[in-house]
Amino acid sequence: MASVVYAPEVVYSQISDGESMSSINRTPLLKAVPNGIEITVRDGVARRFYIYSITGQVIKSVEVAENVTVELPQGYYIVKCSEWAKKIVVR
């Protein structure tokens, strides 16, 4: 069984004296789990997520501040928040 995990990106920025420092992108994570999806918000700021069927119908709307598992039947979904929209398959 394959699952999709969206991992954080590491962003590098240049400091004036030539050194570089990294910071972790704090965008929410989306992961397929058995019978649903897991949404993790890593910066503690509550966000509203909309889950759509592949035909565009809103299936669920949830507000997440930390971590939540949303139960869904098998199928293809689009999950949107204020920062991104991602496709995911629940198997």
PDB file of N, CA and C in Angstrom:
ATOM      1  N   MET A   1       0.842  -1.177   0.000  1.00  0.00           N
ATOM      2  CA  MET A   1       0.000   0.000   0.000  1.00  0.00           C
ATOM      3  C   MET A   1       0.888   1.241   0.000  1.00  0.00           C
ATOM      4  N   ALA A   2       0.694   2.103  -0.941  1.00  0.00           N
ATOM      5  CA  ALA A   2       1.496   3.321  -1.041  1.00  0.00           C
ATOM      6  C   ALA A   2       0.748   4.487  -0.421  1.00  0.00           C
ATOM      7  N   SER A   3       1.492   5.377   0.202  1.00  0.00           N
ATOM      8  CA  SER A   3       0.875   6.576   0.737  1.00  0.00           C
ATOM      9  C   SER A   3       1.683   7.784   0.293  1.00  0.00           C
ATOM     10  N   VAL A   4       1.042   8.923   0.311  1.00  0.00           N
ATOM     11  CA  VAL A   4       1.677  10.159  -0.122  1.00  0.00           C
ATOM     12  C   VAL A   4       1.958  11.001   1.108  1.00  0.00           C
ATOM     13  N   VAL A   5       3.178  11.480   1.219  1.00  0.00           N
ATOM     14  CA  VAL A   5       3.539  12.366   2.319  1.00  0.00           C
ATOM     15  C   VAL A   5       4.177  13.603   1.717  1.00  0.00           C
ATOM     16  N   TYR A   6       3.678  14.768   2.084  1.00  0.00           N
ATOM     17  CA  TYR A   6       4.275  16.009   1.645  1.00  0.00           C
ATOM     18  C   TYR A   6       5.186  16.492   2.755  1.00  0.00           C
ATOM     19  N   ALA A   7       6.495  16.439   2.515  1.00  0.00           N
ATOM     20  CA  ALA A   7       7.493  16.768   3.528  1.00  0.00           C
ATOM     21  C   ALA A   7       7.862  18.245   3.465  1.00  0.00           C
ATOM     22  N   PRO A   8       8.414  18.753   4.573  1.00  0.00           N
ATOM     23  CA  PRO A   8       8.809  20.161   4.575  1.00  0.00           C
ATOM     24  C   PRO A   8       9.981  20.421   3.642  1.00  0.00           C
ATOM     25  N   GLU A   9      10.015  21.595   3.118  1.00  0.00           N
ATOM     26  CA  GLU A   9      11.129  22.013   2.294  1.00  0.00           C
ATOM     27  C   GLU A   9      12.084  22.799   3.173  1.00  0.00           C
ATOM     28  N   VAL A  10      13.370  22.704   2.911  1.00  0.00           N
ATOM     29  CA  VAL A  10      14.349  23.501   3.634  1.00  0.00           C
ATOM     30  C   VAL A  10      14.692  24.693   2.764  1.00  0.00           C
ATOM     31  N   VAL A  11      14.582  25.867   3.348  1.00  0.00           N
ATOM     32  CA  VAL A  11      14.831  27.103   2.624  1.00  0.00           C
ATOM     33  C   VAL A  11      16.112  27.716   3.174  1.00  0.00           C
ATOM     34  N   TYR A  12      17.023  28.102   2.292  1.00  0.00           N
ATOM     35  CA  TYR A  12      18.272  28.724   2.713  1.00  0.00           C
ATOM     36  C   TYR A  12      18.238  30.199   2.377  1.00  0.00           C
ATOM     37  N   SER A  13      18.753  30.993   3.280  1.00  0.00           N
ATOM     38  CA  SER A  13      18.839  32.419   3.003  1.00  0.00           C
ATOM     39  C   SER A  13      20.267  32.881   3.285  1.00  0.00           C
ATOM     40  N   GLN A  14      20.706  33.880   2.557  1.00  0.00           N
ATOM     41  CA  GLN A  14      22.066  34.396   2.683  1.00  0.00           C
ATOM     42  C   GLN A  14      22.089  35.474   3.755  1.00  0.00           C
ATOM     43  N   ILE A  15      23.066  35.385   4.667  1.00  0.00           N
ATOM     44  CA  ILE A  15      23.266  36.406   5.690  1.00  0.00           C
ATOM     45  C   ILE A  15      24.369  37.335   5.197  1.00  0.00           C
ATOM     46  N   SER A  16      24.389  38.563   5.651  1.00  0.00           N
ATOM     47  CA  SER A  16      25.303  39.571   5.118  1.00  0.00           C
ATOM     48  C   SER A  16      26.778  39.193   5.164  1.00  0.00           C
ATOM     49  N   ASP A  17      27.226  38.387   6.133  1.00  0.00           N
ATOM     50  CA  ASP A  17      28.652  38.053   6.218  1.00  0.00           C
ATOM     51  C   ASP A  17      29.019  36.794   5.433  1.00  0.00           C
ATOM     52  N   GLY A  18      28.126  36.315   4.567  1.00  0.00           N
ATOM     53  CA  GLY A  18      28.444  35.173   3.722  1.00  0.00           C
ATOM     54  C   GLY A  18      27.987  33.838   4.274  1.00  0.00           C
ATOM     55  N   GLU A  19      27.526  33.782   5.515  1.00  0.00           N
ATOM     56  CA  GLU A  19      27.025  32.541   6.083  1.00  0.00           C
ATOM     57  C   GLU A  19      25.598  32.308   5.590  1.00  0.00           C
ATOM     58  N   SER A  20      25.174  31.067   5.653  1.00  0.00           N
ATOM     59  CA  SER A  20      23.783  30.788   5.300  1.00  0.00           C
ATOM     60  C   SER A  20      23.100  30.138   6.483  1.00  0.00           C
ATOM     61  N   MET A  21      21.821  30.351   6.586  1.00  0.00           N
ATOM     62  CA  MET A  21      21.055  29.704   7.645  1.00  0.00           C
ATOM     63  C   MET A  21      19.841  29.058   7.013  1.00  0.00           C
ATOM     64  N   SER A  22      19.368  27.977   7.622  1.00  0.00           N
ATOM     65  CA  SER A  22      18.204  27.294   7.063  1.00  0.00           C
ATOM     66  C   SER A  22      17.016  27.478   7.986  1.00  0.00           C
ATOM     67  N   SER A  23      15.853  27.448   7.391  1.00  0.00           N
ATOM     68  CA  SER A  23      14.620  27.473   8.151  1.00  0.00           C
ATOM     69  C   SER A  23      13.672  26.476   7.520  1.00  0.00           C
ATOM     70  N   ILE A  24      12.868  25.843   8.316  1.00  0.00           N
ATOM     71  CA  ILE A  24      11.949  24.839   7.802  1.00  0.00           C
ATOM     72  C   ILE A  24      10.645  25.509   7.398  1.00  0.00           C
ATOM     73  N   ASN A  25      10.175  25.158   6.217  1.00  0.00           N
ATOM     74  CA  ASN A  25       8.901  25.654   5.725  1.00  0.00           C
ATOM     75  C   ASN A  25       7.800  25.113   6.638  1.00  0.00           C
ATOM     76  N   ARG A  26       6.937  25.956   7.116  1.00  0.00           N
ATOM     77  CA  ARG A  26       5.896  25.565   8.075  1.00  0.00           C
ATOM     78  C   ARG A  26       4.543  25.276   7.428  1.00  0.00           C
ATOM     79  N   THR A  27       4.516  24.986   6.138  1.00  0.00           N
ATOM     80  CA  THR A  27       3.245  24.691   5.501  1.00  0.00           C
ATOM     81  C   THR A  27       2.673  23.389   6.038  1.00  0.00           C
ATOM     82  N   PRO A  28       1.363  23.255   6.069  1.00  0.00           N
ATOM     83  CA  PRO A  28       0.718  22.046   6.590  1.00  0.00           C
ATOM     84  C   PRO A  28       1.078  20.799   5.783  1.00  0.00           C
ATOM     85  N   LEU A  29       1.060  19.654   6.462  1.00  0.00           N
ATOM     86  CA  LEU A  29       1.341  18.363   5.834  1.00  0.00           C
ATOM     87  C   LEU A  29       0.039  17.618   5.575  1.00  0.00           C
ATOM     88  N   LEU A  30       0.026  16.849   4.504  1.00  0.00           N
ATOM     89  CA  LEU A  30      -1.125  16.038   4.115  1.00  0.00           C
ATOM     90  C   LEU A  30      -0.626  14.629   3.850  1.00  0.00           C
ATOM     91  N   LYS A  31      -1.297  13.632   4.449  1.00  0.00           N
ATOM     92  CA  LYS A  31      -0.844  12.251   4.307  1.00  0.00           C
ATOM     93  C   LYS A  31      -2.047  11.323   4.174  1.00  0.00           C
ATOM     94  N   ALA A  32      -1.976  10.396   3.214  1.00  0.00           N
ATOM     95  CA  ALA A  32      -3.023   9.387   3.073  1.00  0.00           C
ATOM     96  C   ALA A  32      -2.802   8.309   4.124  1.00  0.00           C
ATOM     97  N   VAL A  33      -3.852   7.945   4.835  1.00  0.00           N
ATOM     98  CA  VAL A  33      -3.819   6.871   5.830  1.00  0.00           C
ATOM     99  C   VAL A  33      -4.978   5.926   5.505  1.00  0.00           C
ATOM    100  N   PRO A  34      -4.960   4.710   6.063  1.00  0.00           N
ATOM    101  CA  PRO A  34      -6.095   3.810   5.802  1.00  0.00           C
ATOM    102  C   PRO A  34      -7.427   4.467   6.195  1.00  0.00           C
ATOM    103  N   ASN A  35      -8.359   4.470   5.297  1.00  0.00           N
ATOM    104  CA  ASN A  35      -9.708   5.019   5.513  1.00  0.00           C
ATOM    105  C   ASN A  35      -9.760   6.527   5.694  1.00  0.00           C
ATOM    106  N   GLY A  36      -8.790   7.256   5.152  1.00  0.00           N
ATOM    107  CA  GLY A  36      -8.877   8.704   5.264  1.00  0.00           C
ATOM    108  C   GLY A  36      -7.579   9.426   4.981  1.00  0.00           C
ATOM    109  N   ILE A  37      -7.511  10.659   5.495  1.00  0.00           N
ATOM    110  CA  ILE A  37      -6.317  11.478   5.350  1.00  0.00           C
ATOM    111  C   ILE A  37      -5.951  12.078   6.699  1.00  0.00           C
ATOM    112  N   GLU A  38      -4.675  12.350   6.868  1.00  0.00           N
ATOM    113  CA  GLU A  38      -4.180  12.987   8.082  1.00  0.00           C
ATOM    114  C   GLU A  38      -3.656  14.364   7.706  1.00  0.00           C
ATOM    115  N   ILE A  39      -4.113  15.386   8.417  1.00  0.00           N
ATOM    116  CA  ILE A  39      -3.684  16.759   8.177  1.00  0.00           C
ATOM    117  C   ILE A  39      -2.943  17.226   9.418  1.00  0.00           C
ATOM    118  N   THR A  40      -1.716  17.743   9.222  1.00  0.00           N
ATOM    119  CA  THR A  40      -0.912  18.232  10.331  1.00  0.00           C
ATOM    120  C   THR A  40      -0.522  19.671  10.080  1.00  0.00           C
ATOM    121  N   VAL A  41      -0.848  20.538  11.036  1.00  0.00           N
ATOM    122  CA  VAL A  41      -0.454  21.945  10.988  1.00  0.00           C
ATOM    123  C   VAL A  41       0.727  22.086  11.936  1.00  0.00           C
ATOM    124  N   ARG A  42       1.862  22.565  11.415  1.00  0.00           N
ATOM    125  CA  ARG A  42       3.095  22.565  12.196  1.00  0.00           C
ATOM    126  C   ARG A  42       3.419  23.871  12.893  1.00  0.00           C
ATOM    127  N   ASP A  43       2.703  24.942  12.618  1.00  0.00           N
ATOM    128  CA  ASP A  43       3.042  26.211  13.263  1.00  0.00           C
ATOM    129  C   ASP A  43       2.029  26.637  14.322  1.00  0.00           C
ATOM    130  N   GLY A  44       1.036  25.799  14.605  1.00  0.00           N
ATOM    131  CA  GLY A  44       0.064  26.092  15.655  1.00  0.00           C
ATOM    132  C   GLY A  44      -1.026  27.074  15.261  1.00  0.00           C
ATOM    133  N   VAL A  45      -1.004  27.581  14.041  1.00  0.00           N
ATOM    134  CA  VAL A  45      -2.026  28.513  13.570  1.00  0.00           C
ATOM    135  C   VAL A  45      -3.157  27.703  12.937  1.00  0.00           C
ATOM    136  N   ALA A  46      -4.358  27.848  13.472  1.00  0.00           N
ATOM    137  CA  ALA A  46      -5.508  27.095  12.958  1.00  0.00           C
ATOM    138  C   ALA A  46      -5.816  27.503  11.520  1.00  0.00           C
ATOM    139  N   ARG A  47      -6.085  26.498  10.692  1.00  0.00           N
ATOM    140  CA  ARG A  47      -6.425  26.732   9.286  1.00  0.00           C
ATOM    141  C   ARG A  47      -7.667  25.936   8.920  1.00  0.00           C
ATOM    142  N   ARG A  48      -8.430  26.460   7.981  1.00  0.00           N
ATOM    143  CA  ARG A  48      -9.609  25.775   7.460  1.00  0.00           C
ATOM    144  C   ARG A  48      -9.186  24.997   6.221  1.00  0.00           C
ATOM    145  N   PHE A  49      -9.542  23.712   6.177  1.00  0.00           N
ATOM    146  CA  PHE A  49      -9.257  22.845   5.038  1.00  0.00           C
ATOM    147  C   PHE A  49     -10.574  22.412   4.424  1.00  0.00           C
ATOM    148  N   TYR A  50     -10.622  22.444   3.090  1.00  0.00           N
ATOM    149  CA  TYR A  50     -11.792  22.007   2.356  1.00  0.00           C
ATOM    150  C   TYR A  50     -11.414  20.759   1.570  1.00  0.00           C
ATOM    151  N   ILE A  51     -12.236  19.730   1.680  1.00  0.00           N
ATOM    152  CA  ILE A  51     -11.989  18.473   0.990  1.00  0.00           C
ATOM    153  C   ILE A  51     -13.059  18.324  -0.082  1.00  0.00           C
ATOM    154  N   TYR A  52     -12.610  18.191  -1.338  1.00  0.00           N
ATOM    155  CA  TYR A  52     -13.497  18.095  -2.487  1.00  0.00           C
ATOM    156  C   TYR A  52     -13.405  16.714  -3.114  1.00  0.00           C
ATOM    157  N   SER A  53     -14.518  16.257  -3.671  1.00  0.00           N
ATOM    158  CA  SER A  53     -14.488  15.043  -4.487  1.00  0.00           C
ATOM    159  C   SER A  53     -13.811  15.398  -5.800  1.00  0.00           C
ATOM    160  N   ILE A  54     -13.494  14.401  -6.586  1.00  0.00           N
ATOM    161  CA  ILE A  54     -12.839  14.637  -7.871  1.00  0.00           C
ATOM    162  C   ILE A  54     -13.757  15.399  -8.831  1.00  0.00           C
ATOM    163  N   THR A  55     -15.070  15.377  -8.571  1.00  0.00           N
ATOM    164  CA  THR A  55     -16.019  16.113  -9.410  1.00  0.00           C
ATOM    165  C   THR A  55     -16.223  17.557  -8.946  1.00  0.00           C
ATOM    166  N   GLY A  56     -15.546  17.944  -7.842  1.00  0.00           N
ATOM    167  CA  GLY A  56     -15.621  19.322  -7.376  1.00  0.00           C
ATOM    168  C   GLY A  56     -16.621  19.596  -6.278  1.00  0.00           C
ATOM    169  N   GLN A  57     -17.315  18.578  -5.800  1.00  0.00           N
ATOM    170  CA  GLN A  57     -18.289  18.752  -4.723  1.00  0.00           C
ATOM    171  C   GLN A  57     -17.564  18.804  -3.377  1.00  0.00           C
ATOM    172  N   VAL A  58     -17.932  19.767  -2.510  1.00  0.00           N
ATOM    173  CA  VAL A  58     -17.334  19.851  -1.179  1.00  0.00           C
ATOM    174  C   VAL A  58     -17.829  18.665  -0.352  1.00  0.00           C
ATOM    175  N   ILE A  59     -16.889  17.851   0.128  1.00  0.00           N
ATOM    176  CA  ILE A  59     -17.215  16.679   0.937  1.00  0.00           C
ATOM    177  C   ILE A  59     -17.203  17.025   2.415  1.00  0.00           C
ATOM    178  N   LYS A  60     -16.137  17.714   2.855  1.00  0.00           N
ATOM    179  CA  LYS A  60     -15.990  18.104   4.257  1.00  0.00           C
ATOM    180  C   LYS A  60     -15.211  19.401   4.342  1.00  0.00           C
ATOM    181  N   SER A  61     -15.412  20.075   5.459  1.00  0.00           N
ATOM    182  CA  SER A  61     -14.653  21.264   5.797  1.00  0.00           C
ATOM    183  C   SER A  61     -14.240  21.108   7.256  1.00  0.00           C
ATOM    184  N   VAL A  62     -12.941  21.213   7.534  1.00  0.00           N
ATOM    185  CA  VAL A  62     -12.454  21.043   8.909  1.00  0.00           C
ATOM    186  C   VAL A  62     -11.472  22.154   9.237  1.00  0.00           C
ATOM    187  N   GLU A  63     -11.468  22.561  10.505  1.00  0.00           N
ATOM    188  CA  GLU A  63     -10.477  23.512  10.983  1.00  0.00           C
ATOM    189  C   GLU A  63      -9.467  22.737  11.798  1.00  0.00           C
ATOM    190  N   VAL A  64      -8.181  22.926  11.489  1.00  0.00           N
ATOM    191  CA  VAL A  64      -7.112  22.162  12.122  1.00  0.00           C
ATOM    192  C   VAL A  64      -6.101  23.124  12.725  1.00  0.00           C
ATOM    193  N   ALA A  65      -5.750  22.887  13.995  1.00  0.00           N
ATOM    194  CA  ALA A  65      -4.729  23.686  14.665  1.00  0.00           C
ATOM    195  C   ALA A  65      -3.475  22.862  14.941  1.00  0.00           C
ATOM    196  N   GLU A  66      -3.602  21.531  14.982  1.00  0.00           N
ATOM    197  CA  GLU A  66      -2.446  20.675  15.237  1.00  0.00           C
ATOM    198  C   GLU A  66      -2.438  19.485  14.292  1.00  0.00           C
ATOM    199  N   ASN A  67      -3.239  18.458  14.608  1.00  0.00           N
ATOM    200  CA  ASN A  67      -3.256  17.231  13.825  1.00  0.00           C
ATOM    201  C   ASN A  67      -4.659  16.641  13.878  1.00  0.00           C
ATOM    202  N   VAL A  68      -5.155  16.197  12.737  1.00  0.00           N
ATOM    203  CA  VAL A  68      -6.471  15.575  12.696  1.00  0.00           C
ATOM    204  C   VAL A  68      -6.487  14.516  11.593  1.00  0.00           C
ATOM    205  N   THR A  69      -7.234  13.441  11.846  1.00  0.00           N
ATOM    206  CA  THR A  69      -7.457  12.423  10.828  1.00  0.00           C
ATOM    207  C   THR A  69      -8.913  12.529  10.392  1.00  0.00           C
ATOM    208  N   VAL A  70      -9.112  12.691   9.088  1.00  0.00           N
ATOM    209  CA  VAL A  70     -10.452  12.817   8.525  1.00  0.00           C
ATOM    210  C   VAL A  70     -10.787  11.492   7.847  1.00  0.00           C
ATOM    211  N   GLU A  71     -11.850  10.836   8.298  1.00  0.00           N
ATOM    212  CA  GLU A  71     -12.262   9.569   7.702  1.00  0.00           C
ATOM    213  C   GLU A  71     -12.975   9.818   6.383  1.00  0.00           C
ATOM    214  N   LEU A  72     -12.524   9.092   5.350  1.00  0.00           N
ATOM    215  CA  LEU A  72     -13.097   9.216   4.013  1.00  0.00           C
ATOM    216  C   LEU A  72     -13.133   7.849   3.354  1.00  0.00           C
ATOM    217  N   PRO A  73     -14.115   7.596   2.506  1.00  0.00           N
ATOM    218  CA  PRO A  73     -14.100   6.342   1.734  1.00  0.00           C
ATOM    219  C   PRO A  73     -12.991   6.382   0.686  1.00  0.00           C
ATOM    220  N   GLN A  74     -12.674   5.219   0.146  1.00  0.00           N
ATOM    221  CA  GLN A  74     -11.651   5.153  -0.893  1.00  0.00           C
ATOM    222  C   GLN A  74     -12.031   6.058  -2.055  1.00  0.00           C
ATOM    223  N   GLY A  75     -11.028   6.709  -2.622  1.00  0.00           N
ATOM    224  CA  GLY A  75     -11.289   7.564  -3.767  1.00  0.00           C
ATOM    225  C   GLY A  75     -10.234   8.630  -3.939  1.00  0.00           C
ATOM    226  N   TYR A  76     -10.488   9.501  -4.892  1.00  0.00           N
ATOM    227  CA  TYR A  76      -9.590  10.600  -5.213  1.00  0.00           C
ATOM    228  C   TYR A  76     -10.185  11.884  -4.646  1.00  0.00           C
ATOM    229  N   TYR A  77      -9.343  12.711  -4.025  1.00  0.00           N
ATOM    230  CA  TYR A  77      -9.811  13.940  -3.391  1.00  0.00           C
ATOM    231  C   TYR A  77      -8.868  15.088  -3.691  1.00  0.00           C
ATOM    232  N   ILE A  78      -9.389  16.299  -3.549  1.00  0.00           N
ATOM    233  CA  ILE A  78      -8.591  17.514  -3.608  1.00  0.00           C
ATOM    234  C   ILE A  78      -8.767  18.195  -2.267  1.00  0.00           C
ATOM    235  N   VAL A  79      -7.646  18.517  -1.637  1.00  0.00           N
ATOM    236  CA  VAL A  79      -7.667  19.188  -0.338  1.00  0.00           C
ATOM    237  C   VAL A  79      -7.091  20.581  -0.540  1.00  0.00           C
ATOM    238  N   LYS A  80      -7.831  21.596  -0.079  1.00  0.00           N
ATOM    239  CA  LYS A  80      -7.401  22.984  -0.232  1.00  0.00           C
ATOM    240  C   LYS A  80      -7.327  23.665   1.121  1.00  0.00           C
ATOM    241  N   CYS A  81      -6.320  24.521   1.265  1.00  0.00           N
ATOM    242  CA  CYS A  81      -6.250  25.443   2.390  1.00  0.00           C
ATOM    243  C   CYS A  81      -5.825  26.792   1.816  1.00  0.00           C
ATOM    244  N   SER A  82      -5.560  27.761   2.653  1.00  0.00           N
ATOM    245  CA  SER A  82      -5.212  29.091   2.153  1.00  0.00           C
ATOM    246  C   SER A  82      -3.867  29.125   1.440  1.00  0.00           C
ATOM    247  N   GLU A  83      -3.009  28.114   1.670  1.00  0.00           N
ATOM    248  CA  GLU A  83      -1.657  28.131   1.119  1.00  0.00           C
ATOM    249  C   GLU A  83      -1.447  27.226  -0.090  1.00  0.00           C
ATOM    250  N   TRP A  84      -2.279  26.183  -0.268  1.00  0.00           N
ATOM    251  CA  TRP A  84      -2.078  25.246  -1.364  1.00  0.00           C
ATOM    252  C   TRP A  84      -3.345  24.445  -1.628  1.00  0.00           C
ATOM    253  N   ALA A  85      -3.298  23.720  -2.736  1.00  0.00           N
ATOM    254  CA  ALA A  85      -4.329  22.719  -3.080  1.00  0.00           C
ATOM    255  C   ALA A  85      -3.577  21.487  -3.548  1.00  0.00           C
ATOM    256  N   LYS A  86      -3.937  20.317  -3.021  1.00  0.00           N
ATOM    257  CA  LYS A  86      -3.232  19.082  -3.369  1.00  0.00           C
ATOM    258  C   LYS A  86      -4.232  17.970  -3.672  1.00  0.00           C
ATOM    259  N   LYS A  87      -3.849  17.092  -4.606  1.00  0.00           N
ATOM    260  CA  LYS A  87      -4.633  15.903  -4.915  1.00  0.00           C
ATOM    261  C   LYS A  87      -4.116  14.756  -4.052  1.00  0.00           C
ATOM    262  N   ILE A  88      -5.022  13.891  -3.610  1.00  0.00           N
ATOM    263  CA  ILE A  88      -4.621  12.758  -2.787  1.00  0.00           C
ATOM    264  C   ILE A  88      -5.542  11.574  -3.050  1.00  0.00           C
ATOM    265  N   VAL A  89      -5.012  10.371  -2.903  1.00  0.00           N
ATOM    266  CA  VAL A  89      -5.772   9.146  -3.124  1.00  0.00           C
ATOM    267  C   VAL A  89      -5.891   8.412  -1.794  1.00  0.00           C
ATOM    268  N   VAL A  90      -7.115   8.074  -1.421  1.00  0.00           N
ATOM    269  CA  VAL A  90      -7.363   7.266  -0.229  1.00  0.00           C
ATOM    270  C   VAL A  90      -7.609   5.850  -0.707  1.00  0.00           C
ATOM    271  N   ARG A  91      -6.833   4.904  -0.205  1.00  0.00           N
ATOM    272  CA  ARG A  91      -6.948   3.502  -0.610  1.00  0.00           C
ATOM    273  C   ARG A  91      -7.451   2.654   0.519  1.00  0.00           C
TER     274      ARG A  91
END
